[in-house]
C-alpha atoms as a PDB file:
ATOM      1  CA  MET A   1     100.351 -52.582  14.735  1.00  0.00           C
ATOM      2  CA  ILE A   2      99.506 -50.040  17.167  1.00  0.00           C
ATOM      3  CA  THR A   3      98.829 -46.415  15.642  1.00  0.00           C
ATOM      4  CA  PHE A   4      98.891 -43.074  17.177  1.00  0.00           C
ATOM      5  CA  PHE A   5      95.242 -42.911  17.403  1.00  0.00           C
ATOM      6  CA  ASP A   6      95.194 -46.374  19.562  1.00  0.00           C
ATOM      7  CA  ILE A   7      97.649 -45.082  22.148  1.00  0.00           C
ATOM      8  CA  GLU A   8      95.521 -41.870  22.374  1.00  0.00           C
ATOM      9  CA  LYS A   9      92.525 -44.233  23.135  1.00  0.00           C
ATOM     10  CA  LEU A  10      94.533 -46.195  25.740  1.00  0.00           C
ATOM     11  CA  ASP A  11      95.359 -42.994  27.310  1.00  0.00           C
ATOM     12  CA  ILE A  12      91.940 -41.731  27.524  1.00  0.00           C
ATOM     13  CA  VAL A  13      90.642 -45.321  28.777  1.00  0.00           C
ATOM     14  CA  ILE A  14      93.268 -45.300  31.673  1.00  0.00           C
ATOM     15  CA  ALA A  15      92.452 -41.467  32.474  1.00  0.00           C
ATOM     16  CA  LEU A  16      88.764 -42.626  32.812  1.00  0.00           C
ATOM     17  CA  LEU A  17      89.602 -45.459  34.952  1.00  0.00           C
ATOM     18  CA  LEU A  18      91.626 -43.401  37.224  1.00  0.00           C
ATOM     19  CA  ILE A  19      88.819 -40.984  37.622  1.00  0.00           C
ATOM     20  CA  ILE A  20      86.411 -43.645  38.550  1.00  0.00           C
ATOM     21  CA  ILE A  21      88.923 -45.191  41.014  1.00  0.00           C
ATOM     22  CA  ALA A  22      89.614 -41.855  42.521  1.00  0.00           C
ATOM     23  CA  THR A  23      85.922 -40.745  42.689  1.00  0.00           C
ATOM     24  CA  SER A  24      85.183 -44.070  44.606  1.00  0.00           C
ATOM     25  CA  PHE A  25      88.110 -43.556  46.960  1.00  0.00           C
ATOM     26  CA  PHE A  26      86.800 -39.937  47.834  1.00  0.00           C
ATOM     27  CA  LYS A  27      83.336 -41.215  48.402  1.00  0.00           C
ATOM     28  CA  LEU A  28      84.478 -43.802  50.674  1.00  0.00           C
ATOM     29  CA  ILE A  29      86.715 -41.303  52.372  1.00  0.00           C
ATOM     30  CA  PHE A  30      83.827 -38.855  52.810  1.00  0.00           C
ATOM     31  CA  ASN A  31      81.391 -41.334  54.017  1.00  0.00           C
ATOM     32  CA  VAL A  32      83.791 -42.591  56.993  1.00  0.00           C
ATOM     33  CA  ILE A  33      84.367 -38.971  57.963  1.00  0.00           C
ATOM     34  CA  HIS A  34      80.904 -38.207  57.661  1.00  0.00           C
ATOM     35  CA  ARG A  35      79.829 -41.208  59.899  1.00  0.00           C
ATOM     36  CA  ASN A  36      82.389 -40.231  62.498  1.00  0.00           C
ATOM     37  CA  LEU A  37      81.510 -36.605  62.686  1.00  0.00           C
ATOM     38  CA  SER A  38      77.785 -37.583  62.859  1.00  0.00           C
ATOM     39  CA  GLY A  39      78.203 -40.149  65.417  1.00  0.00           C
ATOM     40  CA  THR A  40      76.382 -42.596  63.499  1.00  0.00           C
ATOM     41  CA  SER A  41      78.951 -45.279  64.094  1.00  0.00           C
ATOM     42  CA  GLN A  42      79.081 -44.958  67.820  1.00  0.00           C
ATOM     43  CA  ALA A  43      75.235 -44.977  67.997  1.00  0.00           C
ATOM     44  CA  GLN A  44      75.247 -48.235  65.736  1.00  0.00           C
ATOM     45  CA  THR A  45      77.999 -49.713  68.094  1.00  0.00           C
ATOM     46  CA  ILE A  46      75.794 -48.840  71.099  1.00  0.00           C
ATOM     47  CA  ASN A  47      72.595 -50.232  69.462  1.00  0.00           C
ATOM     48  CA  ILE A  48      74.411 -53.600  68.772  1.00  0.00           C
ATOM     49  CA  LEU A  49      75.337 -53.787  72.425  1.00  0.00           C
ATOM     50  CA  ILE A  50      72.016 -53.187  73.514  1.00  0.00           C
ATOM     51  CA  ASP A  51      70.479 -55.663  71.197  1.00  0.00           C
ATOM     52  CA  LYS A  52      72.828 -58.314  72.559  1.00  0.00           C
ATOM     53  CA  GLY A  53      71.623 -57.423  76.195  1.00  0.00           C
ATOM     54  CA  TYR A  54      75.157 -55.894  77.134  1.00  0.00           C
ATOM     55  CA  TYR A  55      73.640 -52.609  78.805  1.00  0.00           C
ATOM     56  CA  ASP A  56      76.712 -52.099  81.339  1.00  0.00           C
ATOM     57  CA  VAL A  57      79.174 -52.353  78.396  1.00  0.00           C
ATOM     58  CA  ALA A  58      76.848 -50.230  76.161  1.00  0.00           C
ATOM     59  CA  LEU A  59      76.563 -47.635  78.945  1.00  0.00           C
ATOM     60  CA  ARG A  60      80.335 -47.498  79.488  1.00  0.00           C
ATOM     61  CA  LYS A  61      80.722 -47.028  75.489  1.00  0.00           C
ATOM     62  CA  CYS A  62      77.918 -44.411  75.610  1.00  0.00           C
ATOM     63  CA  GLU A  63      80.081 -42.595  78.307  1.00  0.00           C
ATOM     64  CA  THR A  64      83.141 -42.774  76.353  1.00  0.00           C
ATOM     65  CA  PHE A  65      81.542 -41.403  73.281  1.00  0.00           C
ATOM     66  CA  ILE A  66      79.666 -38.618  75.073  1.00  0.00           C
ATOM     67  CA  SER A  67      83.119 -37.538  76.601  1.00  0.00           C
ATOM     68  CA  LYS A  68      83.952 -36.793  73.001  1.00  0.00           C
ATOM     69  CA  ARG A  69      80.608 -35.577  71.834  1.00  0.00           C
ATOM     70  CA  PRO A  70      78.906 -34.193  74.622  1.00  0.00           C
ATOM     71  CA  CYS A  71      76.133 -32.354  72.628  1.00  0.00           C
ATOM     72  CA  ASP A  72      75.247 -35.551  70.411  1.00  0.00           C
ATOM     73  CA  ALA A  73      71.727 -35.851  71.126  1.00  0.00           C
ATOM     74  CA  ASN A  74      71.531 -39.493  69.961  1.00  0.00           C
ATOM     75  CA  LEU A  75      74.020 -40.437  72.136  1.00  0.00           C
ATOM     76  CA  LEU A  76      72.470 -38.647  75.349  1.00  0.00           C
ATOM     77  CA  TRP A  77      69.029 -40.428  74.125  1.00  0.00           C
ATOM     78  CA  LEU A  78      70.931 -43.646  74.281  1.00  0.00           C
ATOM     79  CA  ARG A  79      72.429 -43.152  77.745  1.00  0.00           C
ATOM     80  CA  ALA A  80      69.030 -42.232  78.994  1.00  0.00           C
ATOM     81  CA  THR A  81      67.444 -45.371  77.852  1.00  0.00           C
ATOM     82  CA  LEU A  82      70.326 -47.277  79.160  1.00  0.00           C
ATOM     83  CA  TYR A  83      69.848 -45.968  82.405  1.00  0.00           C
ATOM     84  CA  PHE A  84      65.930 -46.922  82.131  1.00  0.00           C
ATOM     85  CA  LYS A  85      67.074 -50.369  80.991  1.00  0.00           C
ATOM     86  CA  LEU A  86      69.449 -50.871  83.884  1.00  0.00           C
ATOM     87  CA  ASP A  87      66.758 -49.791  86.384  1.00  0.00           C
ATOM     88  CA  LYS A  88      68.661 -46.560  87.382  1.00  0.00           C
ATOM     89  CA  LYS A  89      65.224 -44.465  87.504  1.00  0.00           C
ATOM     90  CA  ASP A  90      66.622 -41.355  89.119  1.00  0.00           C
ATOM     91  CA  LYS A  91      69.422 -41.005  86.417  1.00  0.00           C
ATOM     92  CA  ALA A  92      67.145 -41.821  83.935  1.00  0.00           C
ATOM     93  CA  ILE A  93      64.633 -39.302  84.687  1.00  0.00           C
ATOM     94  CA  SER A  94      67.417 -36.720  84.914  1.00  0.00           C
ATOM     95  CA  GLU A  95      68.786 -37.525  81.529  1.00  0.00           C
ATOM     96  CA  PHE A  96      65.263 -37.347  79.879  1.00  0.00           C
ATOM     97  CA  GLN A  97      64.495 -34.135  81.538  1.00  0.00           C
ATOM     98  CA  ASN A  98      67.858 -32.715  80.216  1.00  0.00           C
ATOM     99  CA  LEU A  99      66.846 -34.264  76.751  1.00  0.00           C
ATOM    100  CA  ILE A 100      63.807 -32.334  76.949  1.00  0.00           C
ATOM    101  CA  LYS A 101      65.758 -28.929  77.428  1.00  0.00           C
ATOM    102  CA  THR A 102      68.212 -29.502  74.651  1.00  0.00           C
ATOM    103  CA  GLU A 103      65.961 -31.401  72.221  1.00  0.00           C
ATOM    104  CA  PRO A 104      62.555 -30.024  72.368  1.00  0.00           C
ATOM    105  CA  LEU A 105      61.503 -32.146  69.409  1.00  0.00           C
ATOM    106  CA  TRP A 106      62.006 -35.219  71.511  1.00  0.00           C
ATOM    107  CA  LYS A 107      60.079 -33.824  74.433  1.00  0.00           C
ATOM    108  CA  GLU A 108      56.805 -36.172  73.768  1.00  0.00           C
ATOM    109  CA  ASP A 109      59.123 -39.247  73.860  1.00  0.00           C
ATOM    110  CA  ALA A 110      61.156 -38.390  76.737  1.00  0.00           C
ATOM    111  CA  GLN A 111      58.185 -37.482  78.729  1.00  0.00           C
ATOM    112  CA  LYS A 112      56.693 -41.002  78.090  1.00  0.00           C
ATOM    113  CA  TYR A 113      59.823 -42.363  79.844  1.00  0.00           C
ATOM    114  CA  ILE A 114      59.668 -39.810  82.564  1.00  0.00           C
ATOM    115  CA  ASP A 115      55.886 -40.744  83.205  1.00  0.00           C
ATOM    116  CA  VAL A 116      56.884 -44.358  83.570  1.00  0.00           C
ATOM    117  CA  LEU A 117      59.632 -43.983  85.699  1.00  0.00           C
ATOM    118  CA  ASN A 118      57.491 -41.792  87.995  1.00  0.00           C
ATOM    119  CA  ASP A 119      54.892 -44.295  88.197  1.00  0.00           C
ATOM    120  CA  GLU A 120      57.345 -47.033  89.020  1.00  0.00           C
ATOM    121  CA  LEU A 121      58.903 -44.812  91.862  1.00  0.00           C
ATOM    122  CA  GLN A 122      55.474 -43.955  93.458  1.00  0.00           C
ATOM    123  CA  ARG A 123      54.895 -47.810  93.774  1.00  0.00           C
END
Protein backbone atom coordinates (compact mmCIF):
# COMPACT_ATOMS: atom_id res chain seq x y z
CA MET A 1 0.00 0.00 0.00
CA ILE A 2 1.35 3.44 -0.94
CA THR A 3 1.38 5.94 1.87
CA PHE A 4 1.56 9.71 1.84
CA PHE A 5 5.28 9.58 2.59
CA ASP A 6 5.92 7.24 -0.34
CA ILE A 7 4.27 9.69 -2.73
CA GLU A 8 6.36 12.50 -1.30
CA LYS A 9 9.53 10.45 -1.80
CA LEU A 10 8.48 9.65 -5.35
CA ASP A 11 7.91 13.34 -6.06
CA ILE A 12 11.35 14.17 -4.71
CA VAL A 13 12.98 11.49 -6.85
CA ILE A 14 11.15 12.71 -9.96
CA ALA A 15 12.11 16.31 -9.20
CA LEU A 16 15.77 15.32 -8.78
CA LEU A 17 15.74 13.39 -12.05
CA LEU A 18 14.22 16.38 -13.83
CA ILE A 19 16.90 18.65 -12.37
CA ILE A 20 19.64 16.28 -13.55
CA ILE A 21 18.14 16.05 -17.05
CA ALA A 22 17.67 19.83 -17.28
CA THR A 23 21.24 20.47 -16.10
CA SER A 24 22.63 18.06 -18.69
CA PHE A 25 20.53 19.67 -21.40
CA PHE A 26 21.72 23.17 -20.51
CA LYS A 27 25.35 22.02 -20.42
CA LEU A 28 24.92 20.57 -23.89
CA ILE A 29 23.34 23.76 -25.23
CA PHE A 30 26.04 25.88 -23.59
CA ASN A 31 28.81 23.78 -25.13
CA VAL A 32 27.28 24.01 -28.60
CA ILE A 33 26.86 27.77 -28.32
CA HIS A 34 30.36 28.21 -26.88
CA ARG A 35 31.95 26.19 -29.69
CA ASN A 36 30.11 28.20 -32.31
CA LEU A 37 31.03 31.51 -30.70
CA SER A 38 34.65 30.55 -30.19
CA GLY A 39 35.18 29.26 -33.72
CA THR A 40 36.44 25.93 -32.41
CA SER A 41 34.15 23.82 -34.56
CA GLN A 42 35.08 25.79 -37.69
CA ALA A 43 38.80 25.33 -37.04
CA GLN A 44 38.24 21.63 -36.39
CA THR A 45 36.40 21.27 -39.69
CA ILE A 46 39.24 22.97 -41.55
CA ASN A 47 41.88 20.89 -39.76
CA ILE A 48 40.09 17.69 -40.76
CA LEU A 49 40.15 18.80 -44.40
CA ILE A 50 43.83 19.72 -44.11
CA ASP A 51 44.65 16.34 -42.57
CA LYS A 52 42.98 14.66 -45.53
CA GLY A 53 44.95 16.82 -47.97
CA TYR A 54 41.93 18.76 -49.26
CA TYR A 55 43.70 22.12 -49.17
CA ASP A 56 41.54 23.85 -51.81
CA VAL A 57 38.33 22.78 -50.07
CA ALA A 58 39.77 23.78 -46.70
CA LEU A 59 40.69 27.21 -48.06
CA ARG A 60 37.17 27.77 -49.42
CA LYS A 61 35.67 26.72 -46.08
CA CYS A 62 38.13 28.95 -44.27
CA GLU A 63 37.14 31.92 -46.44
CA THR A 64 33.47 31.25 -45.70
CA PHE A 65 34.09 31.11 -41.96
CA ILE A 66 36.29 34.22 -42.04
CA SER A 67 33.53 36.15 -43.80
CA LYS A 68 31.39 35.46 -40.72
CA ARG A 69 34.22 35.85 -38.17
CA PRO A 70 36.78 38.24 -39.73
CA CYS A 71 38.78 38.74 -36.53
CA ASP A 72 39.12 35.08 -35.56
CA ALA A 73 42.89 34.66 -35.28
CA ASN A 74 42.71 30.86 -35.49
CA LEU A 75 40.90 31.03 -38.81
CA LEU A 76 43.30 33.69 -40.09
CA TRP A 77 46.25 31.48 -39.09
CA LEU A 78 44.71 28.52 -40.89
CA ARG A 79 44.19 30.59 -44.03
CA ALA A 80 47.83 31.73 -43.95
CA THR A 81 49.09 28.17 -43.55
CA LEU A 82 46.79 27.00 -46.34
CA TYR A 83 48.27 29.60 -48.69
CA PHE A 84 51.68 28.26 -47.63
CA LYS A 85 50.65 24.66 -48.34
CA LEU A 86 49.13 25.65 -51.69
CA ASP A 87 52.41 27.39 -52.63
CA LYS A 88 50.75 30.80 -52.86
CA LYS A 89 53.80 32.49 -51.43
CA ASP A 90 52.84 36.16 -51.82
CA LYS A 91 49.42 35.64 -50.26
CA ALA A 92 50.93 33.58 -47.46
CA ILE A 93 53.51 36.25 -46.66
CA SER A 94 50.82 38.92 -46.63
CA GLU A 95 48.60 36.86 -44.32
CA PHE A 96 51.43 36.11 -41.91
CA GLN A 97 52.43 39.78 -41.83
CA ASN A 98 48.86 40.76 -41.02
CA LEU A 99 48.79 38.16 -38.26
CA ILE A 100 51.93 39.66 -36.74
CA LYS A 101 50.13 43.00 -36.55
CA THR A 102 46.88 41.63 -35.15
CA GLU A 103 48.26 38.82 -32.97
CA PRO A 104 51.67 39.83 -31.58
CA LEU A 105 51.89 36.63 -29.54
CA TRP A 106 52.13 34.69 -32.79
CA LYS A 107 54.90 36.87 -34.19
CA GLU A 108 57.68 34.34 -33.72
CA ASP A 109 55.84 31.49 -35.46
CA ALA A 110 54.55 33.72 -38.26
CA GLN A 111 58.04 35.13 -38.81
CA LYS A 112 59.43 31.62 -39.29
CA TYR A 113 56.97 31.05 -42.13
CA ILE A 114 57.79 34.44 -43.64
CA ASP A 115 61.53 33.66 -43.53
CA VAL A 116 61.03 30.31 -45.25
CA LEU A 117 58.82 31.90 -47.90
CA ASN A 118 61.27 34.71 -48.53
CA ASP A 119 64.11 32.19 -48.91
CA GLU A 120 62.05 30.25 -51.46
CA LEU A 121 61.23 33.42 -53.39
CA GLN A 122 64.93 34.33 -53.62
CA ARG A 123 65.83 31.01 -55.28
